[in-house]
Amino acid sequence: MSPPNGAAYRWIFSCSLVQWLPDPCATFRRWHDFADN
């Protein structure tokens, strides 16, 4: 939920993490916020 500041990322990757997230929808929105267009 707290990715490093800096560039807007063109690619976001994750493997075997999401099932552990307590609030996956909020996390997906957070990823959307710091992703590039």
Full PDB file with SEQRES, HELIX, SHEET, SSBOND, CRYST1, ORIGX, SCALE, CONECT and MASTER records, all heavy atoms in Angstrom:
SEQRES   1 A   37  MET SER PRO PRO ASN GLY ALA ALA TYR ARG TRP ILE PHE          
SEQRES   2 A   37  SER CYS SER LEU VAL GLN TRP LEU PRO ASP PRO CYS ALA          
SEQRES   3 A   37  THR PHE ARG ARG TRP HIS ASP PHE ALA ASP ASN                  
HELIX    1 AA1 VAL A   18  TRP A   20  5                                   3    
HELIX    2 AA2 PRO A   24  PHE A   34  1                                  11    
CRYST1    1.000    1.000    1.000  90.00  90.00  90.00 P 1           1          
ORIGX1      1.000000  0.000000  0.000000        0.00000                         
ORIGX2      0.000000  1.000000  0.000000        0.00000                         
ORIGX3      0.000000  0.000000  1.000000        0.00000                         
SCALE1      1.000000  0.000000  0.000000        0.00000                         
SCALE2      0.000000  1.000000  0.000000        0.00000                         
SCALE3      0.000000  0.000000  1.000000        0.00000                         
ATOM      1  N   MET A   1       0.809  -1.215   0.000  1.00  0.00           N  
ATOM      2  CA  MET A   1       0.000   0.000   0.000  1.00  0.00           C  
ATOM      3  C   MET A   1       0.844   1.268   0.000  1.00  0.00           C  
ATOM      4  O   MET A   1       0.311   2.364  -0.160  1.00  0.00           O  
ATOM      5  CB  MET A   1      -0.918   0.009   1.228  1.00  0.00           C  
ATOM      6  CG  MET A   1      -2.161  -0.845   1.082  1.00  0.00           C  
ATOM      7  SD  MET A   1      -3.352  -0.157  -0.097  1.00  0.00           S  
ATOM      8  CE  MET A   1      -3.976   1.250   0.839  1.00  0.00           C  
ATOM      9  N   SER A   2       2.148   1.135   0.187  1.00  0.00           N  
ATOM     10  CA  SER A   2       3.022   2.310   0.269  1.00  0.00           C  
ATOM     11  C   SER A   2       4.235   2.126  -0.631  1.00  0.00           C  
ATOM     12  O   SER A   2       5.357   1.949  -0.154  1.00  0.00           O  
ATOM     13  CB  SER A   2       3.468   2.527   1.720  1.00  0.00           C  
ATOM     14  OG  SER A   2       2.361   2.642   2.580  1.00  0.00           O  
ATOM     15  N   PRO A   3       4.042   2.143  -1.936  1.00  0.00           N  
ATOM     16  CA  PRO A   3       5.155   1.930  -2.863  1.00  0.00           C  
ATOM     17  C   PRO A   3       6.127   3.098  -2.821  1.00  0.00           C  
ATOM     18  O   PRO A   3       5.797   4.185  -2.343  1.00  0.00           O  
ATOM     19  CB  PRO A   3       4.462   1.845  -4.222  1.00  0.00           C  
ATOM     20  CG  PRO A   3       3.223   2.654  -4.044  1.00  0.00           C  
ATOM     21  CD  PRO A   3       2.777   2.413  -2.627  1.00  0.00           C  
ATOM     22  N   PRO A   4       7.335   2.893  -3.298  1.00  0.00           N  
ATOM     23  CA  PRO A   4       8.318   3.978  -3.282  1.00  0.00           C  
ATOM     24  C   PRO A   4       7.886   5.142  -4.157  1.00  0.00           C  
ATOM     25  O   PRO A   4       7.282   4.959  -5.216  1.00  0.00           O  
ATOM     26  CB  PRO A   4       9.587   3.308  -3.833  1.00  0.00           C  
ATOM     27  CG  PRO A   4       9.095   2.116  -4.588  1.00  0.00           C  
ATOM     28  CD  PRO A   4       7.876   1.649  -3.866  1.00  0.00           C  
ATOM     29  N   ASN A   5       8.174   6.341  -3.691  1.00  0.00           N  
ATOM     30  CA  ASN A   5       7.859   7.533  -4.470  1.00  0.00           C  
ATOM     31  C   ASN A   5       8.815   7.643  -5.651  1.00  0.00           C  
ATOM     32  O   ASN A   5       9.896   7.075  -5.664  1.00  0.00           O  
ATOM     33  CB  ASN A   5       7.965   8.783  -3.599  1.00  0.00           C  
ATOM     34  CG  ASN A   5       6.917   8.809  -2.506  1.00  0.00           C  
ATOM     35  OD1 ASN A   5       5.802   8.348  -2.709  1.00  0.00           O  
ATOM     36  ND2 ASN A   5       7.275   9.335  -1.342  1.00  0.00           N  
ATOM     37  N   GLY A   6       8.417   8.416  -6.638  1.00  0.00           N  
ATOM     38  CA  GLY A   6       9.291   8.615  -7.791  1.00  0.00           C  
ATOM     39  C   GLY A   6       8.505   8.522  -9.077  1.00  0.00           C  
ATOM     40  O   GLY A   6       7.426   9.110  -9.210  1.00  0.00           O  
ATOM     41  N   ALA A   7       9.025   7.743 -10.005  1.00  0.00           N  
ATOM     42  CA  ALA A   7       8.441   7.663 -11.338  1.00  0.00           C  
ATOM     43  C   ALA A   7       7.036   7.062 -11.289  1.00  0.00           C  
ATOM     44  O   ALA A   7       6.716   6.243 -10.438  1.00  0.00           O  
ATOM     45  CB  ALA A   7       9.333   6.803 -12.231  1.00  0.00           C  
ATOM     46  N   ALA A   8       6.227   7.510 -12.240  1.00  0.00           N  
ATOM     47  CA  ALA A   8       4.941   6.849 -12.453  1.00  0.00           C  
ATOM     48  C   ALA A   8       5.245   5.576 -13.236  1.00  0.00           C  
ATOM     49  O   ALA A   8       5.822   5.621 -14.315  1.00  0.00           O  
ATOM     50  CB  ALA A   8       4.006   7.752 -13.237  1.00  0.00           C  
ATOM     51  N   TYR A   9       4.868   4.455 -12.681  1.00  0.00           N  
ATOM     52  CA  TYR A   9       5.300   3.180 -13.250  1.00  0.00           C  
ATOM     53  C   TYR A   9       4.463   2.795 -14.459  1.00  0.00           C  
ATOM     54  O   TYR A   9       3.238   2.881 -14.443  1.00  0.00           O  
ATOM     55  CB  TYR A   9       5.243   2.094 -12.176  1.00  0.00           C  
ATOM     56  CG  TYR A   9       6.217   2.348 -11.064  1.00  0.00           C  
ATOM     57  CD1 TYR A   9       5.813   2.976  -9.892  1.00  0.00           C  
ATOM     58  CD2 TYR A   9       7.558   2.007 -11.198  1.00  0.00           C  
ATOM     59  CE1 TYR A   9       6.720   3.243  -8.869  1.00  0.00           C  
ATOM     60  CE2 TYR A   9       8.469   2.265 -10.186  1.00  0.00           C  
ATOM     61  CZ  TYR A   9       8.038   2.883  -9.030  1.00  0.00           C  
ATOM     62  OH  TYR A   9       8.938   3.159  -8.029  1.00  0.00           O  
ATOM     63  N   ARG A  10       5.147   2.368 -15.493  1.00  0.00           N  
ATOM     64  CA  ARG A  10       4.472   1.901 -16.698  1.00  0.00           C  
ATOM     65  C   ARG A  10       4.027   0.446 -16.563  1.00  0.00           C  
ATOM     66  O   ARG A  10       3.108   0.008 -17.226  1.00  0.00           O  
ATOM     67  CB  ARG A  10       5.396   2.055 -17.905  1.00  0.00           C  
ATOM     68  CG  ARG A  10       4.728   1.791 -19.255  1.00  0.00           C  
ATOM     69  CD  ARG A  10       5.678   2.063 -20.403  1.00  0.00           C  
ATOM     70  NE  ARG A  10       6.106   3.459 -20.411  1.00  0.00           N  
ATOM     71  CZ  ARG A  10       7.051   3.943 -21.220  1.00  0.00           C  
ATOM     72  NH1 ARG A  10       7.683   3.129 -22.048  1.00  0.00           N  
ATOM     73  NH2 ARG A  10       7.367   5.219 -21.174  1.00  0.00           N  
ATOM     74  N   TRP A  11       4.730  -0.275 -15.699  1.00  0.00           N  
ATOM     75  CA  TRP A  11       4.426  -1.687 -15.464  1.00  0.00           C  
ATOM     76  C   TRP A  11       4.347  -1.951 -13.966  1.00  0.00           C  
ATOM     77  O   TRP A  11       5.198  -1.478 -13.208  1.00  0.00           O  
ATOM     78  CB  TRP A  11       5.505  -2.586 -16.058  1.00  0.00           C  
ATOM     79  CG  TRP A  11       5.638  -2.515 -17.545  1.00  0.00           C  
ATOM     80  CD1 TRP A  11       6.443  -1.666 -18.255  1.00  0.00           C  
ATOM     81  CD2 TRP A  11       4.958  -3.320 -18.504  1.00  0.00           C  
ATOM     82  NE1 TRP A  11       6.310  -1.886 -19.592  1.00  0.00           N  
ATOM     83  CE2 TRP A  11       5.407  -2.907 -19.788  1.00  0.00           C  
ATOM     84  CE3 TRP A  11       4.020  -4.349 -18.402  1.00  0.00           C  
ATOM     85  CZ2 TRP A  11       4.946  -3.496 -20.957  1.00  0.00           C  
ATOM     86  CZ3 TRP A  11       3.555  -4.937 -19.571  1.00  0.00           C  
ATOM     87  CH2 TRP A  11       4.015  -4.512 -20.834  1.00  0.00           C  
ATOM     88  N   ILE A  12       3.342  -2.725 -13.557  1.00  0.00           N  
ATOM     89  CA  ILE A  12       3.226  -3.161 -12.169  1.00  0.00           C  
ATOM     90  C   ILE A  12       3.062  -4.677 -12.176  1.00  0.00           C  
ATOM     91  O   ILE A  12       2.238  -5.220 -12.924  1.00  0.00           O  
ATOM     92  CB  ILE A  12       2.031  -2.488 -11.466  1.00  0.00           C  
ATOM     93  CG1 ILE A  12       2.242  -0.971 -11.422  1.00  0.00           C  
ATOM     94  CG2 ILE A  12       1.861  -3.035 -10.056  1.00  0.00           C  
ATOM     95  CD1 ILE A  12       1.066  -0.214 -10.862  1.00  0.00           C  
ATOM     96  N   PHE A  13       3.862  -5.325 -11.339  1.00  0.00           N  
ATOM     97  CA  PHE A  13       3.866  -6.786 -11.291  1.00  0.00           C  
ATOM     98  C   PHE A  13       3.683  -7.273  -9.858  1.00  0.00           C  
ATOM     99  O   PHE A  13       4.103  -6.618  -8.900  1.00  0.00           O  
ATOM    100  CB  PHE A  13       5.194  -7.338 -11.833  1.00  0.00           C  
ATOM    101  CG  PHE A  13       5.519  -6.920 -13.233  1.00  0.00           C  
ATOM    102  CD1 PHE A  13       6.439  -5.911 -13.483  1.00  0.00           C  
ATOM    103  CD2 PHE A  13       4.900  -7.541 -14.305  1.00  0.00           C  
ATOM    104  CE1 PHE A  13       6.746  -5.517 -14.782  1.00  0.00           C  
ATOM    105  CE2 PHE A  13       5.186  -7.158 -15.609  1.00  0.00           C  
ATOM    106  CZ  PHE A  13       6.114  -6.148 -15.844  1.00  0.00           C  
ATOM    107  N   SER A  14       3.083  -8.438  -9.741  1.00  0.00           N  
ATOM    108  CA  SER A  14       2.947  -9.060  -8.427  1.00  0.00           C  
ATOM    109  C   SER A  14       2.632 -10.532  -8.621  1.00  0.00           C  
ATOM    110  O   SER A  14       1.884 -10.902  -9.530  1.00  0.00           O  
ATOM    111  CB  SER A  14       1.830  -8.389  -7.624  1.00  0.00           C  
ATOM    112  OG  SER A  14       1.659  -9.042  -6.384  1.00  0.00           O  
ATOM    113  N   CYS A  15       3.222 -11.368  -7.769  1.00  0.00           N  
ATOM    114  CA  CYS A  15       2.975 -12.804  -7.870  1.00  0.00           C  
ATOM    115  C   CYS A  15       2.852 -13.396  -6.468  1.00  0.00           C  
ATOM    116  O   CYS A  15       3.755 -13.234  -5.642  1.00  0.00           O  
ATOM    117  CB  CYS A  15       4.108 -13.486  -8.642  1.00  0.00           C  
ATOM    118  SG  CYS A  15       3.822 -15.237  -8.984  1.00  0.00           S  
ATOM    119  N   SER A  16       1.740 -14.051  -6.202  1.00  0.00           N  
ATOM    120  CA  SER A  16       1.481 -14.750  -4.937  1.00  0.00           C  
ATOM    121  C   SER A  16       1.394 -13.819  -3.732  1.00  0.00           C  
ATOM    122  O   SER A  16       1.688 -14.221  -2.608  1.00  0.00           O  
ATOM    123  CB  SER A  16       2.553 -15.828  -4.688  1.00  0.00           C  
ATOM    124  OG  SER A  16       2.580 -16.772  -5.728  1.00  0.00           O  
ATOM    125  N   LEU A  17       0.964 -12.592  -3.959  1.00  0.00           N  
ATOM    126  CA  LEU A  17       0.805 -11.614  -2.884  1.00  0.00           C  
ATOM    127  C   LEU A  17      -0.653 -11.311  -2.572  1.00  0.00           C  
ATOM    128  O   LEU A  17      -1.058 -11.251  -1.411  1.00  0.00           O  
ATOM    129  CB  LEU A  17       1.515 -10.307  -3.257  1.00  0.00           C  
ATOM    130  CG  LEU A  17       1.123  -9.068  -2.433  1.00  0.00           C  
ATOM    131  CD1 LEU A  17       1.675  -9.172  -1.008  1.00  0.00           C  
ATOM    132  CD2 LEU A  17       1.587  -7.782  -3.105  1.00  0.00           C  
ATOM    133  N   VAL A  18      -1.456 -11.094  -3.606  1.00  0.00           N  
ATOM    134  CA  VAL A  18      -2.752 -10.439  -3.459  1.00  0.00           C  
ATOM    135  C   VAL A  18      -3.682 -11.178  -2.508  1.00  0.00           C  
ATOM    136  O   VAL A  18      -4.484 -10.554  -1.798  1.00  0.00           O  
ATOM    137  CB  VAL A  18      -3.397 -10.245  -4.851  1.00  0.00           C  
ATOM    138  CG1 VAL A  18      -4.857  -9.813  -4.736  1.00  0.00           C  
ATOM    139  CG2 VAL A  18      -2.606  -9.203  -5.646  1.00  0.00           C  
ATOM    140  N   GLN A  19      -3.590 -12.521  -2.438  1.00  0.00           N  
ATOM    141  CA  GLN A  19      -4.499 -13.252  -1.555  1.00  0.00           C  
ATOM    142  C   GLN A  19      -4.321 -12.884  -0.090  1.00  0.00           C  
ATOM    143  O   GLN A  19      -5.213 -13.099   0.730  1.00  0.00           O  
ATOM    144  CB  GLN A  19      -4.326 -14.767  -1.731  1.00  0.00           C  
ATOM    145  CG  GLN A  19      -3.045 -15.357  -1.174  1.00  0.00           C  
ATOM    146  CD  GLN A  19      -1.881 -15.315  -2.148  1.00  0.00           C  
ATOM    147  OE1 GLN A  19      -2.006 -14.777  -3.249  1.00  0.00           O  
ATOM    148  NE2 GLN A  19      -0.761 -15.897  -1.765  1.00  0.00           N  
ATOM    149  N   TRP A  20      -3.161 -12.305   0.267  1.00  0.00           N  
ATOM    150  CA  TRP A  20      -2.899 -11.933   1.661  1.00  0.00           C  
ATOM    151  C   TRP A  20      -3.382 -10.526   2.004  1.00  0.00           C  
ATOM    152  O   TRP A  20      -3.375 -10.134   3.171  1.00  0.00           O  
ATOM    153  CB  TRP A  20      -1.403 -12.003   1.953  1.00  0.00           C  
ATOM    154  CG  TRP A  20      -0.794 -13.356   1.803  1.00  0.00           C  
ATOM    155  CD1 TRP A  20       0.159 -13.732   0.896  1.00  0.00           C  
ATOM    156  CD2 TRP A  20      -1.072 -14.526   2.585  1.00  0.00           C  
ATOM    157  NE1 TRP A  20       0.489 -15.049   1.054  1.00  0.00           N  
ATOM    158  CE2 TRP A  20      -0.252 -15.566   2.090  1.00  0.00           C  
ATOM    159  CE3 TRP A  20      -1.934 -14.796   3.643  1.00  0.00           C  
ATOM    160  CZ2 TRP A  20      -0.272 -16.858   2.627  1.00  0.00           C  
ATOM    161  CZ3 TRP A  20      -1.962 -16.081   4.179  1.00  0.00           C  
ATOM    162  CH2 TRP A  20      -1.137 -17.092   3.673  1.00  0.00           C  
ATOM    163  N   LEU A  21      -3.782  -9.732   1.004  1.00  0.00           N  
ATOM    164  CA  LEU A  21      -4.134  -8.342   1.263  1.00  0.00           C  
ATOM    165  C   LEU A  21      -5.410  -8.239   2.098  1.00  0.00           C  
ATOM    166  O   LEU A  21      -6.432  -8.826   1.743  1.00  0.00           O  
ATOM    167  CB  LEU A  21      -4.328  -7.592  -0.060  1.00  0.00           C  
ATOM    168  CG  LEU A  21      -3.101  -7.482  -0.965  1.00  0.00           C  
ATOM    169  CD1 LEU A  21      -3.486  -6.840  -2.291  1.00  0.00           C  
ATOM    170  CD2 LEU A  21      -1.982  -6.701  -0.282  1.00  0.00           C  
ATOM    171  N   PRO A  22      -5.390  -7.464   3.182  1.00  0.00           N  
ATOM    172  CA  PRO A  22      -6.603  -7.328   3.998  1.00  0.00           C  
ATOM    173  C   PRO A  22      -7.707  -6.550   3.298  1.00  0.00           C  
ATOM    174  O   PRO A  22      -8.888  -6.774   3.568  1.00  0.00           O  
ATOM    175  CB  PRO A  22      -6.106  -6.595   5.256  1.00  0.00           C  
ATOM    176  CG  PRO A  22      -4.851  -5.901   4.827  1.00  0.00           C  
ATOM    177  CD  PRO A  22      -4.237  -6.777   3.781  1.00  0.00           C  
ATOM    178  N   ASP A  23      -7.334  -5.626   2.402  1.00  0.00           N  
ATOM    179  CA  ASP A  23      -8.322  -4.832   1.655  1.00  0.00           C  
ATOM    180  C   ASP A  23      -7.841  -4.721   0.216  1.00  0.00           C  
ATOM    181  O   ASP A  23      -7.257  -3.720  -0.191  1.00  0.00           O  
ATOM    182  CB  ASP A  23      -8.472  -3.437   2.286  1.00  0.00           C  
ATOM    183  CG  ASP A  23      -9.629  -2.649   1.687  1.00  0.00           C  
ATOM    184  OD1 ASP A  23     -10.131  -3.038   0.620  1.00  0.00           O  
ATOM    185  OD2 ASP A  23     -10.026  -1.634   2.291  1.00  0.00           O  
ATOM    186  N   PRO A  24      -8.050  -5.775  -0.581  1.00  0.00           N  
ATOM    187  CA  PRO A  24      -7.497  -5.767  -1.936  1.00  0.00           C  
ATOM    188  C   PRO A  24      -8.033  -4.658  -2.823  1.00  0.00           C  
ATOM    189  O   PRO A  24      -7.299  -4.113  -3.648  1.00  0.00           O  
ATOM    190  CB  PRO A  24      -7.870  -7.148  -2.480  1.00  0.00           C  
ATOM    191  CG  PRO A  24      -8.969  -7.638  -1.605  1.00  0.00           C  
ATOM    192  CD  PRO A  24      -8.729  -7.043  -0.266  1.00  0.00           C  
ATOM    193  N   CYS A  25      -9.297  -4.281  -2.655  1.00  0.00           N  
ATOM    194  CA  CYS A  25      -9.842  -3.220  -3.504  1.00  0.00           C  
ATOM    195  C   CYS A  25      -9.115  -1.902  -3.256  1.00  0.00           C  
ATOM    196  O   CYS A  25      -8.746  -1.194  -4.193  1.00  0.00           O  
ATOM    197  CB  CYS A  25     -11.335  -3.068  -3.261  1.00  0.00           C  
ATOM    198  SG  CYS A  25     -12.144  -1.987  -4.466  1.00  0.00           S  
ATOM    199  N   ALA A  26      -8.884  -1.583  -1.977  1.00  0.00           N  
ATOM    200  CA  ALA A  26      -8.145  -0.358  -1.649  1.00  0.00           C  
ATOM    201  C   ALA A  26      -6.721  -0.423  -2.192  1.00  0.00           C  
ATOM    202  O   ALA A  26      -6.172   0.586  -2.660  1.00  0.00           O  
ATOM    203  CB  ALA A  26      -8.134  -0.139  -0.140  1.00  0.00           C  
ATOM    204  N   THR A  27      -6.114  -1.598  -2.145  1.00  0.00           N  
ATOM    205  CA  THR A  27      -4.751  -1.745  -2.655  1.00  0.00           C  
ATOM    206  C   THR A  27      -4.728  -1.591  -4.172  1.00  0.00           C  
ATOM    207  O   THR A  27      -3.840  -0.930  -4.721  1.00  0.00           O  
ATOM    208  CB  THR A  27      -4.174  -3.107  -2.249  1.00  0.00           C  
ATOM    209  OG1 THR A  27      -4.257  -3.247  -0.824  1.00  0.00           O  
ATOM    210  CG2 THR A  27      -2.717  -3.221  -2.659  1.00  0.00           C  
ATOM    211  N   PHE A  28      -5.685  -2.184  -4.858  1.00  0.00           N  
ATOM    212  CA  PHE A  28      -5.756  -2.020  -6.316  1.00  0.00           C  
ATOM    213  C   PHE A  28      -5.924  -0.543  -6.685  1.00  0.00           C  
ATOM    214  O   PHE A  28      -5.349  -0.064  -7.673  1.00  0.00           O  
ATOM    215  CB  PHE A  28      -6.927  -2.823  -6.886  1.00  0.00           C  
ATOM    216  CG  PHE A  28      -6.737  -4.312  -6.864  1.00  0.00           C  
ATOM    217  CD1 PHE A  28      -7.843  -5.162  -6.805  1.00  0.00           C  
ATOM    218  CD2 PHE A  28      -5.480  -4.885  -6.911  1.00  0.00           C  
ATOM    219  CE1 PHE A  28      -7.691  -6.540  -6.796  1.00  0.00           C  
ATOM    220  CE2 PHE A  28      -5.307  -6.272  -6.898  1.00  0.00           C  
ATOM    221  CZ  PHE A  28      -6.418  -7.094  -6.841  1.00  0.00           C  
ATOM    222  N   ARG A  29      -6.717   0.187  -5.900  1.00  0.00           N  
ATOM    223  CA  ARG A  29      -6.876   1.623  -6.169  1.00  0.00           C  
ATOM    224  C   ARG A  29      -5.557   2.358  -5.945  1.00  0.00           C  
ATOM    225  O   ARG A  29      -5.216   3.286  -6.694  1.00  0.00           O  
ATOM    226  CB  ARG A  29      -7.958   2.218  -5.254  1.00  0.00           C  
ATOM    227  CG  ARG A  29      -9.367   1.795  -5.579  1.00  0.00           C  
ATOM    228  CD  ARG A  29     -10.375   2.695  -4.878  1.00  0.00           C  
ATOM    229  NE  ARG A  29     -11.725   2.159  -4.965  1.00  0.00           N  
ATOM    230  CZ  ARG A  29     -12.343   1.494  -3.992  1.00  0.00           C  
ATOM    231  NH1 ARG A  29     -11.720   1.300  -2.832  1.00  0.00           N  
ATOM    232  NH2 ARG A  29     -13.564   1.037  -4.156  1.00  0.00           N  
ATOM    233  N   ARG A  30      -4.835   1.970  -4.912  1.00  0.00           N  
ATOM    234  CA  ARG A  30      -3.540   2.592  -4.633  1.00  0.00           C  
ATOM    235  C   ARG A  30      -2.569   2.344  -5.774  1.00  0.00           C  
ATOM    236  O   ARG A  30      -1.846   3.248  -6.199  1.00  0.00           O  
ATOM    237  CB  ARG A  30      -2.984   2.034  -3.320  1.00  0.00           C  
ATOM    238  CG  ARG A  30      -1.677   2.679  -2.900  1.00  0.00           C  
ATOM    239  CD  ARG A  30      -1.874   4.078  -2.372  1.00  0.00           C  
ATOM    240  NE  ARG A  30      -0.612   4.673  -1.997  1.00  0.00           N  
ATOM    241  CZ  ARG A  30      -0.010   5.674  -2.648  1.00  0.00           C  
ATOM    242  NH1 ARG A  30      -0.590   6.219  -3.702  1.00  0.00           N  
ATOM    243  NH2 ARG A  30       1.132   6.157  -2.224  1.00  0.00           N  
ATOM    244  N   TRP A  31      -2.564   1.130  -6.291  1.00  0.00           N  
ATOM    245  CA  TRP A  31      -1.706   0.829  -7.428  1.00  0.00           C  
ATOM    246  C   TRP A  31      -2.111   1.669  -8.647  1.00  0.00           C  
ATOM    247  O   TRP A  31      -1.260   2.144  -9.395  1.00  0.00           O  
ATOM    248  CB  TRP A  31      -1.790  -0.654  -7.772  1.00  0.00           C  
ATOM    249  CG  TRP A  31      -1.243  -1.562  -6.701  1.00  0.00           C  
ATOM    250  CD1 TRP A  31      -0.678  -1.194  -5.514  1.00  0.00           C  
ATOM    251  CD2 TRP A  31      -1.225  -2.993  -6.705  1.00  0.00           C  
ATOM    252  NE1 TRP A  31      -0.308  -2.296  -4.785  1.00  0.00           N  
ATOM    253  CE2 TRP A  31      -0.632  -3.417  -5.485  1.00  0.00           C  
ATOM    254  CE3 TRP A  31      -1.661  -3.955  -7.619  1.00  0.00           C  
ATOM    255  CZ2 TRP A  31      -0.461  -4.763  -5.176  1.00  0.00           C  
ATOM    256  CZ3 TRP A  31      -1.495  -5.299  -7.307  1.00  0.00           C  
ATOM    257  CH2 TRP A  31      -0.895  -5.694  -6.106  1.00  0.00           C  
ATOM    258  N   HIS A  32      -3.408   1.847  -8.806  1.00  0.00           N  
ATOM    259  CA  HIS A  32      -3.917   2.679  -9.910  1.00  0.00           C  
ATOM    260  C   HIS A  32      -3.415   4.113  -9.764  1.00  0.00           C  
ATOM    261  O   HIS A  32      -3.054   4.765 -10.754  1.00  0.00           O  
ATOM    262  CB  HIS A  32      -5.454   2.638  -9.886  1.00  0.00           C  
ATOM    263  CG  HIS A  32      -6.121   3.376 -10.996  1.00  0.00           C  
ATOM    264  ND1 HIS A  32      -6.360   4.739 -10.947  1.00  0.00           N  
ATOM    265  CD2 HIS A  32      -6.611   2.950 -12.190  1.00  0.00           C  
ATOM    266  CE1 HIS A  32      -6.970   5.113 -12.057  1.00  0.00           C  
ATOM    267  NE2 HIS A  32      -7.137   4.055 -12.823  1.00  0.00           N  
ATOM    268  N   ASP A  33      -3.328   4.604  -8.529  1.00  0.00           N  
ATOM    269  CA  ASP A  33      -2.923   5.988  -8.288  1.00  0.00           C  
ATOM    270  C   ASP A  33      -1.484   6.266  -8.732  1.00  0.00           C  
ATOM    271  O   ASP A  33      -1.193   7.352  -9.255  1.00  0.00           O  
ATOM    272  CB  ASP A  33      -3.061   6.340  -6.803  1.00  0.00           C  
ATOM    273  CG  ASP A  33      -4.515   6.419  -6.352  1.00  0.00           C  
ATOM    274  OD1 ASP A  33      -5.400   6.534  -7.225  1.00  0.00           O  
ATOM    275  OD2 ASP A  33      -4.753   6.358  -5.133  1.00  0.00           O  
ATOM    276  N   PHE A  34      -0.577   5.339  -8.493  1.00  0.00           N  
ATOM    277  CA  PHE A  34       0.819   5.624  -8.816  1.00  0.00           C  
ATOM    278  C   PHE A  34       1.263   5.017 -10.149  1.00  0.00           C  
ATOM    279  O   PHE A  34       2.431   5.096 -10.509  1.00  0.00           O  
ATOM    280  CB  PHE A  34       1.770   5.199  -7.690  1.00  0.00           C  
ATOM    281  CG  PHE A  34       1.767   3.736  -7.343  1.00  0.00           C  
ATOM    282  CD1 PHE A  34       2.351   2.803  -8.158  1.00  0.00           C  
ATOM    283  CD2 PHE A  34       1.183   3.312  -6.158  1.00  0.00           C  
ATOM    284  CE1 PHE A  34       2.360   1.459  -7.823  1.00  0.00           C  
ATOM    285  CE2 PHE A  34       1.191   1.976  -5.810  1.00  0.00           C  
ATOM    286  CZ  PHE A  34       1.782   1.042  -6.653  1.00  0.00           C  
ATOM    287  N   ALA A  35       0.321   4.437 -10.893  1.00  0.00           N  
ATOM    288  CA  ALA A  35       0.639   3.916 -12.219  1.00  0.00           C  
ATOM    289  C   ALA A  35       0.533   5.024 -13.261  1.00  0.00           C  
ATOM    290  O   ALA A  35      -0.257   5.961 -13.123  1.00  0.00           O  
ATOM    291  CB  ALA A  35      -0.316   2.780 -12.571  1.00  0.00           C  
ATOM    292  N   ASP A  36       1.324   4.902 -14.307  1.00  0.00           N  
ATOM    293  CA  ASP A  36       1.279   5.832 -15.425  1.00  0.00           C  
ATOM    294  C   ASP A  36      -0.024   5.630 -16.197  1.00  0.00           C  
ATOM    295  O   ASP A  36      -0.710   4.612 -16.041  1.00  0.00           O  
ATOM    296  CB  ASP A  36       2.482   5.563 -16.336  1.00  0.00           C  
ATOM    297  CG  ASP A  36       2.760   6.735 -17.275  1.00  0.00           C  
ATOM    298  OD1 ASP A  36       2.018   7.737 -17.219  1.00  0.00           O  
ATOM    299  OD2 ASP A  36       3.715   6.647 -18.062  1.00  0.00           O  
ATOM    300  N   ASN A  37      -0.379   6.621 -17.028  1.00  0.00           N  
ATOM    301  CA  ASN A  37      -1.543   6.463 -17.889  1.00  0.00           C  
ATOM    302  C   ASN A  37      -1.363   5.240 -18.775  1.00  0.00           C  
ATOM    303  O   ASN A  37      -0.291   5.043 -19.365  1.00  0.00           O  
ATOM    304  CB  ASN A  37      -1.735   7.703 -18.759  1.00  0.00           C  
ATOM    305  CG  ASN A  37      -2.151   8.911 -17.951  1.00  0.00           C  
ATOM    306  OD1 ASN A  37      -2.759   8.775 -16.884  1.00  0.00           O  
ATOM    307  ND2 ASN A  37      -1.832  10.105 -18.436  1.00  0.00           N  
TER     308      ASN A  37                                                      
MASTER        0    0    0    2    0    0    0    6  307    1    0    3          
END                                                                             
